[in-house]
Amino acid sequence: MLKGTDTLLRFLAALAVGAAGGALFWSIHAPLPWVLGSMAACAVASVAGLPIQASAATRRPMAAVIGVVLGSSFGPHLLPQAGEWIIPLAALPFFLATAALLCVTYFRKVAKFDPATAYFAGMPGGIAEMVVMGAERGADERAIGLIHGARIFLVVFILPFLIQLDHAPVAASAIPPVTGDVASWSLLFWGLGCAGLGLLVGRLLRLPAWHLVGPLAVSAAVHMSGLADFRIPGWALAAAQVGLGATMGCRFVGLTLKELLRILALAAGSTAILLAVTFAWAAGIGTLAGVDPVLLTLAYSPGGLAEMSMVALSLALEPGVVVIHHLTRVILVLIGAPLGFASMGRKSGAD
């Protein structure tokens, strides 16, 4: 069988496994069922050795759909809230520095990683960026990738349940709906147009998480300008979430159960640290700024941009706030992580 055909069949198998897991989680009324169910099912199937596969490239179309949906949550209603974001955004660099310091120390002292691996495994940044930066500086890129993958897996899986225990969703009318019931030629034009143009712009401008952020930015511009007010059908969003969950679950392909448990155990320690810091800062900053601490928990959380924004949508919270904070986090880590590592190297050399 041709390699390309085999890869496609493995991806389709991953989607089927993910859809089954999503349907199971939906039937038991779990939060964010299509992402969490798909992610859990594909993680189990990966460790069991089933022939499934989902790479970063296969994630991009799903991320583009989610980006278009998140962009549709932007609108004039956000502008009056802009003043509320000043304090949380100003505090974000200090939150990131605190979280990074604690996690890097954890990976050095507890996991016994070498300095470079511990540093980039402990940074609250994206997987791809931290793997590339770490590899360029002599770190163990496989360990960094697995730790970050497991960290996002754990945060995405745990946080919705924790929030659901102590938070009743507000009225759905509090924010504009982001999905519709039916498809139409107009929707097809605007939806595909925003996704295609967004992917092109995101790639050309080398935006962080370009396959998500590009379509998000174009969709947000269309909705905020009043050019269109389209809504992606709910079934299309559910399908995209299944694909998103499948790619996260398939990160553990090739690992034995023993290896997986070790990685999850190490990642659980750093995740506990990150969540504790996140809850503390969200409560403090939320009280100071008069912003819902639950919304700030999602905005500050060490999960992925798409995943945390989806949690906000599921709770009828404002996803635009989460998007803006996570994009700021990504940019701050991309700029600050190399500078911090270089500073650490100079300090070690001086000693």
Protein backbone atom coordinates (compact mmCIF):
# COMPACT_ATOMS: atom_id res chain seq x y z
CA MET A 1 0.00 0.00 0.00
CA LEU A 2 1.26 3.47 -0.85
CA LYS A 3 2.52 5.49 2.09
CA GLY A 4 0.14 8.37 1.42
CA THR A 5 -2.88 6.05 1.27
CA ASP A 6 -1.81 4.30 4.46
CA THR A 7 -1.48 7.66 6.25
CA LEU A 8 -4.95 8.71 5.07
CA LEU A 9 -6.51 5.45 6.24
CA ARG A 10 -4.86 5.79 9.65
CA PHE A 11 -6.17 9.34 9.91
CA LEU A 12 -9.70 8.25 8.97
CA ALA A 13 -9.43 5.50 11.58
CA ALA A 14 -8.39 8.11 14.15
CA LEU A 15 -11.42 10.23 13.27
CA ALA A 16 -13.71 7.20 13.61
CA VAL A 17 -12.25 6.33 17.02
CA GLY A 18 -12.45 10.00 18.04
CA ALA A 19 -16.06 10.33 16.90
CA ALA A 20 -17.00 7.25 18.93
CA GLY A 21 -15.30 8.69 22.01
CA GLY A 22 -16.97 12.05 21.46
CA ALA A 23 -20.39 10.43 21.14
CA LEU A 24 -19.80 8.54 24.38
CA PHE A 25 -18.81 11.70 26.27
CA TRP A 26 -21.77 13.56 24.74
CA SER A 27 -24.14 10.82 25.93
CA ILE A 28 -22.93 11.20 29.54
CA HIS A 29 -23.13 15.02 29.34
CA ALA A 30 -19.41 15.57 29.86
CA PRO A 31 -18.08 19.12 29.31
CA LEU A 32 -16.62 19.78 25.87
CA PRO A 33 -17.56 16.20 24.83
CA TRP A 34 -16.38 16.11 21.22
CA VAL A 35 -12.86 17.29 22.10
CA LEU A 36 -12.40 15.40 25.37
CA GLY A 37 -14.06 12.19 24.18
CA SER A 38 -12.09 12.13 20.95
CA MET A 39 -8.85 12.92 22.78
CA ALA A 40 -9.35 10.21 25.41
CA ALA A 41 -10.41 7.53 22.91
CA CYS A 42 -7.46 8.21 20.57
CA ALA A 43 -5.00 8.27 23.49
CA VAL A 44 -6.19 4.83 24.60
CA ALA A 45 -6.13 3.52 21.03
CA SER A 46 -2.61 4.92 20.50
CA VAL A 47 -1.17 3.15 23.52
CA ALA A 48 -3.07 -0.02 22.58
CA GLY A 49 -1.23 -0.01 19.25
CA LEU A 50 -4.23 0.46 16.98
CA PRO A 51 -3.37 1.73 13.47
CA ILE A 52 -4.36 5.38 13.92
CA GLN A 53 -2.43 8.55 13.09
CA ALA A 54 -3.03 12.31 13.06
CA SER A 55 -0.24 14.78 12.37
CA ALA A 56 0.01 18.56 12.63
CA ALA A 57 -0.82 18.79 8.92
CA THR A 58 -4.09 16.87 9.36
CA ARG A 59 -4.99 19.16 12.28
CA ARG A 60 -4.90 22.32 10.16
CA PRO A 61 -8.31 22.10 8.41
CA MET A 62 -9.99 21.43 11.77
CA ALA A 63 -8.12 24.30 13.40
CA ALA A 64 -9.17 26.59 10.53
CA VAL A 65 -12.87 25.77 11.10
CA ILE A 66 -12.49 26.42 14.83
CA GLY A 67 -10.67 29.68 14.04
CA VAL A 68 -13.58 30.85 11.86
CA VAL A 69 -16.04 29.95 14.63
CA LEU A 70 -14.02 31.78 17.29
CA GLY A 71 -13.72 34.79 15.00
CA SER A 72 -17.51 34.95 14.74
CA SER A 73 -17.66 35.60 18.50
CA PHE A 74 -15.94 38.97 17.98
CA GLY A 75 -18.13 41.98 17.47
CA PRO A 76 -18.96 45.51 18.64
CA HIS A 77 -20.15 44.06 21.96
CA LEU A 78 -16.50 43.49 22.91
CA LEU A 79 -15.43 47.12 22.68
CA PRO A 80 -17.14 48.33 25.91
CA GLN A 81 -15.30 45.52 27.75
CA ALA A 82 -11.85 46.51 26.55
CA GLY A 83 -11.07 48.53 29.68
CA GLU A 84 -11.56 45.40 31.80
CA TRP A 85 -8.67 43.65 30.04
CA ILE A 86 -5.97 46.20 30.88
CA ILE A 87 -5.12 44.86 34.33
CA PRO A 88 -5.24 41.13 33.37
CA LEU A 89 -3.08 41.75 30.29
CA ALA A 90 -0.60 43.89 32.25
CA ALA A 91 -0.32 41.12 34.88
CA LEU A 92 0.17 38.37 32.28
CA PRO A 93 4.00 38.71 31.96
CA PHE A 94 4.38 38.40 35.75
CA PHE A 95 2.07 35.39 35.82
CA LEU A 96 4.09 33.72 33.05
CA ALA A 97 7.40 34.43 34.81
CA THR A 98 6.07 32.92 38.06
CA ALA A 99 4.69 29.82 36.32
CA ALA A 100 7.85 29.30 34.26
CA LEU A 101 10.18 29.67 37.25
CA LEU A 102 8.26 27.10 39.29
CA CYS A 103 7.96 24.59 36.42
CA VAL A 104 11.58 24.85 35.29
CA THR A 105 12.69 24.33 38.90
CA TYR A 106 10.38 21.30 39.12
CA PHE A 107 11.83 19.70 35.99
CA ARG A 108 15.38 20.32 37.22
CA LYS A 109 14.92 19.11 40.79
CA VAL A 110 12.26 16.41 40.45
CA ALA A 111 12.48 15.15 36.86
CA LYS A 112 16.29 15.59 36.81
CA PHE A 113 16.25 17.00 33.27
CA ASP A 114 19.33 18.75 31.95
CA PRO A 115 19.13 22.59 32.12
CA ALA A 116 18.07 23.14 28.49
CA THR A 117 15.43 20.39 28.51
CA ALA A 118 14.06 21.51 31.89
CA TYR A 119 13.90 25.12 30.71
CA PHE A 120 11.92 24.54 27.51
CA ALA A 121 9.78 21.79 29.04
CA GLY A 122 8.79 24.26 31.77
CA MET A 123 7.95 27.20 29.52
CA PRO A 124 4.18 27.79 29.19
CA GLY A 125 4.40 28.03 25.39
CA GLY A 126 3.27 26.05 22.36
CA ILE A 127 4.61 22.57 21.63
CA ALA A 128 6.12 23.24 18.22
CA GLU A 129 7.83 26.48 19.25
CA MET A 130 9.32 25.02 22.45
CA VAL A 131 10.54 21.87 20.66
CA VAL A 132 12.28 23.91 17.95
CA MET A 133 13.84 26.37 20.41
CA GLY A 134 14.96 23.56 22.69
CA ALA A 135 16.46 21.47 19.89
CA GLU A 136 18.48 24.46 18.68
CA ARG A 137 19.99 24.75 22.15
CA GLY A 138 20.84 21.09 22.69
CA ALA A 139 17.76 20.00 24.63
CA ASP A 140 15.98 16.64 24.30
CA GLU A 141 13.28 17.60 21.80
CA ARG A 142 11.31 14.35 22.20
CA ALA A 143 11.05 14.86 25.97
CA ILE A 144 9.96 18.48 25.49
CA GLY A 145 7.31 17.53 22.94
CA LEU A 146 5.91 14.72 25.09
CA ILE A 147 5.85 16.84 28.26
CA HIS A 148 4.03 19.70 26.55
CA GLY A 149 1.66 17.30 24.79
CA ALA A 150 0.85 15.58 28.08
CA ARG A 151 0.49 18.94 29.86
CA ILE A 152 -2.07 20.22 27.32
CA PHE A 153 -3.82 16.83 27.39
CA LEU A 154 -4.16 16.97 31.18
CA VAL A 155 -5.21 20.62 31.33
CA VAL A 156 -7.80 20.23 28.59
CA PHE A 157 -9.13 17.07 30.22
CA ILE A 158 -9.18 18.26 33.85
CA LEU A 159 -10.02 21.96 33.71
CA PRO A 160 -13.52 21.74 32.16
CA PHE A 161 -14.59 19.30 34.89
CA LEU A 162 -13.14 21.48 37.66
CA ILE A 163 -14.87 24.58 36.29
CA GLN A 164 -18.16 22.77 35.74
CA LEU A 165 -18.22 21.75 39.41
CA ASP A 166 -18.27 25.37 40.56
CA HIS A 167 -19.74 27.31 37.67
CA ALA A 168 -23.24 27.44 36.20
CA PRO A 169 -23.23 28.70 32.58
CA VAL A 170 -24.68 32.16 32.15
CA ALA A 171 -27.60 32.78 29.85
CA ALA A 172 -26.78 31.86 26.29
CA SER A 173 -27.97 35.28 25.17
CA ALA A 174 -25.06 36.94 27.01
CA ILE A 175 -22.85 36.51 23.95
CA PRO A 176 -23.73 36.14 20.27
CA PRO A 177 -24.30 32.54 19.12
CA VAL A 178 -21.35 31.11 17.20
CA THR A 179 -23.07 28.24 15.44
CA GLY A 180 -26.15 27.91 13.26
CA ASP A 181 -28.52 25.13 12.31
CA VAL A 182 -28.28 24.91 8.54
CA ALA A 183 -25.77 25.32 5.77
CA SER A 184 -26.28 27.60 2.77
CA TRP A 185 -24.41 28.83 -0.29
CA SER A 186 -23.83 32.17 1.43
CA LEU A 187 -22.41 30.40 4.48
CA LEU A 188 -20.23 28.23 2.25
CA PHE A 189 -18.84 31.32 0.54
CA TRP A 190 -18.09 33.24 3.74
CA GLY A 191 -16.93 30.26 5.78
CA LEU A 192 -14.60 28.83 3.14
CA GLY A 193 -13.47 32.33 2.18
CA CYS A 194 -12.46 33.22 5.74
CA ALA A 195 -10.74 29.85 6.22
CA GLY A 196 -8.85 29.96 2.91
CA LEU A 197 -7.82 33.60 3.11
CA GLY A 198 -6.96 33.21 6.78
CA LEU A 199 -4.68 30.24 6.12
CA LEU A 200 -2.93 32.18 3.37
CA VAL A 201 -2.50 35.33 5.46
CA GLY A 202 -1.45 33.38 8.54
CA ARG A 203 1.20 31.48 6.59
CA LEU A 204 2.55 34.57 4.80
CA LEU A 205 2.75 36.62 8.01
CA ARG A 206 4.13 33.66 9.98
CA LEU A 207 1.58 34.17 12.71
CA PRO A 208 1.81 31.95 15.82
CA ALA A 209 -0.52 28.95 15.36
CA TRP A 210 -1.15 30.39 11.87
CA HIS A 211 -3.61 27.68 10.84
CA LEU A 212 -5.90 28.80 13.70
CA VAL A 213 -5.06 32.48 14.16
CA GLY A 214 -5.23 33.42 10.46
CA PRO A 215 -8.82 32.24 9.90
CA LEU A 216 -9.76 33.62 13.32
CA ALA A 217 -8.43 37.09 12.43
CA VAL A 218 -10.17 37.18 9.04
CA SER A 219 -13.47 35.93 10.50
CA ALA A 220 -13.24 38.47 13.34
CA ALA A 221 -12.60 41.29 10.84
CA VAL A 222 -15.60 40.24 8.74
CA HIS A 223 -17.92 40.10 11.76
CA MET A 224 -16.66 43.28 13.45
CA SER A 225 -16.86 45.26 10.20
CA GLY A 226 -20.45 44.14 9.57
CA LEU A 227 -19.65 42.62 6.16
CA ALA A 228 -21.37 39.41 7.22
CA ASP A 229 -22.78 37.73 10.30
CA PHE A 230 -22.62 34.08 9.27
CA ARG A 231 -22.61 31.11 11.70
CA ILE A 232 -20.95 27.74 11.08
CA PRO A 233 -23.40 24.81 11.56
CA GLY A 234 -23.10 23.04 14.91
CA TRP A 235 -22.33 19.70 13.26
CA ALA A 236 -19.34 21.23 11.44
CA LEU A 237 -17.95 22.58 14.71
CA ALA A 238 -18.45 19.18 16.37
CA ALA A 239 -16.59 17.48 13.50
CA ALA A 240 -13.71 19.95 13.81
CA GLN A 241 -13.55 19.34 17.55
CA VAL A 242 -13.34 15.58 16.94
CA GLY A 243 -10.37 16.20 14.64
CA LEU A 244 -8.74 18.48 17.20
CA GLY A 245 -9.16 15.91 19.96
CA ALA A 246 -7.88 13.10 17.73
CA THR A 247 -4.63 14.94 16.97
CA MET A 248 -4.00 15.45 20.71
CA GLY A 249 -4.75 11.82 21.51
CA CYS A 250 -2.54 10.56 18.70
CA ARG A 251 0.51 12.35 20.13
CA PHE A 252 1.07 9.23 22.23
CA VAL A 253 1.38 6.86 19.24
CA GLY A 254 4.36 4.57 19.65
CA LEU A 255 4.62 4.91 23.44
CA THR A 256 4.36 1.89 25.68
CA LEU A 257 2.03 2.06 28.67
CA LYS A 258 5.04 2.35 30.98
CA GLU A 259 6.48 5.26 28.99
CA LEU A 260 3.11 6.98 28.85
CA LEU A 261 2.55 6.66 32.59
CA ARG A 262 6.00 8.10 33.29
CA ILE A 263 5.41 11.08 31.01
CA LEU A 264 1.93 11.66 32.43
CA ALA A 265 3.29 11.47 35.98
CA LEU A 266 5.97 14.08 35.26
CA ALA A 267 3.51 16.26 33.38
CA ALA A 268 0.96 15.90 36.18
CA GLY A 269 3.38 17.54 38.59
CA SER A 270 3.96 20.55 36.36
CA THR A 271 0.24 20.70 35.51
CA ALA A 272 -0.66 20.81 39.20
CA ILE A 273 1.79 23.68 39.68
CA LEU A 274 0.44 25.57 36.66
CA LEU A 275 -3.21 25.10 37.63
CA ALA A 276 -2.55 26.18 41.23
CA VAL A 277 -0.80 29.34 40.02
CA THR A 278 -3.54 29.94 37.44
CA PHE A 279 -6.38 29.67 39.96
CA ALA A 280 -4.56 31.91 42.44
CA TRP A 281 -3.75 34.62 39.91
CA ALA A 282 -7.19 34.46 38.28
CA ALA A 283 -8.89 34.89 41.66
CA GLY A 284 -6.63 37.78 42.66
CA ILE A 285 -6.63 39.62 39.33
CA GLY A 286 -10.33 38.94 38.84
CA THR A 287 -11.14 40.56 42.17
CA LEU A 288 -8.85 43.51 41.44
CA ALA A 289 -10.14 44.10 37.89
CA GLY A 290 -13.76 43.12 38.47
CA VAL A 291 -13.60 40.32 35.89
CA ASP A 292 -15.14 36.86 36.25
CA PRO A 293 -12.37 34.66 37.78
CA VAL A 294 -13.60 31.67 35.76
CA LEU A 295 -13.11 33.60 32.53
CA LEU A 296 -9.64 34.65 33.67
CA THR A 297 -8.83 31.06 34.62
CA LEU A 298 -9.43 30.07 31.00
CA ALA A 299 -7.55 33.14 29.74
CA TYR A 300 -4.49 32.38 31.91
CA SER A 301 -4.66 28.58 31.80
CA PRO A 302 -1.73 26.58 30.36
CA GLY A 303 -3.94 24.79 27.84
CA GLY A 304 -4.14 25.42 24.11
CA LEU A 305 -5.74 28.51 22.60
CA ALA A 306 -8.35 26.57 20.65
CA GLU A 307 -9.18 24.21 23.49
CA MET A 308 -9.59 26.87 26.19
CA SER A 309 -11.66 29.03 23.85
CA MET A 310 -13.91 26.04 23.21
CA VAL A 311 -14.37 25.62 26.97
CA ALA A 312 -15.37 29.30 27.16
CA LEU A 313 -17.93 28.73 24.41
CA SER A 314 -19.34 25.67 26.20
CA LEU A 315 -19.85 27.77 29.35
CA ALA A 316 -21.35 30.73 27.43
CA LEU A 317 -18.41 32.88 28.50
CA GLU A 318 -16.70 35.42 26.23
CA PRO A 319 -14.21 33.50 24.02
CA GLY A 320 -12.75 36.71 22.59
CA VAL A 321 -11.17 37.53 25.96
CA VAL A 322 -9.60 34.06 26.11
CA VAL A 323 -8.29 34.38 22.54
CA ILE A 324 -6.65 37.76 23.18
CA HIS A 325 -4.93 36.60 26.37
CA HIS A 326 -3.66 33.37 24.82
CA LEU A 327 -2.30 35.15 21.75
CA THR A 328 -0.53 37.58 24.07
CA ARG A 329 0.85 34.64 26.07
CA VAL A 330 2.20 32.98 22.93
CA ILE A 331 3.91 36.18 21.77
CA LEU A 332 5.40 36.89 25.20
CA VAL A 333 6.81 33.36 25.49
CA LEU A 334 8.18 33.42 21.93
CA ILE A 335 10.04 36.64 22.71
CA GLY A 336 10.92 36.02 26.34
CA ALA A 337 11.95 32.34 26.34
CA PRO A 338 15.09 32.73 24.17
CA LEU A 339 16.12 35.87 26.07
CA GLY A 340 15.65 34.16 29.41
CA PHE A 341 17.65 31.12 28.32
CA ALA A 342 20.49 33.30 27.03
CA SER A 343 20.51 35.21 30.32
CA MET A 344 20.61 31.94 32.24
CA GLY A 345 23.57 30.81 30.14
CA ARG A 346 25.47 34.02 30.78
CA LYS A 347 24.82 33.70 34.51
CA SER A 348 26.07 30.09 34.51
CA GLY A 349 29.18 31.14 32.60
CA ALA A 350 29.86 33.93 35.07
CA ASP A 351 29.57 31.51 37.96
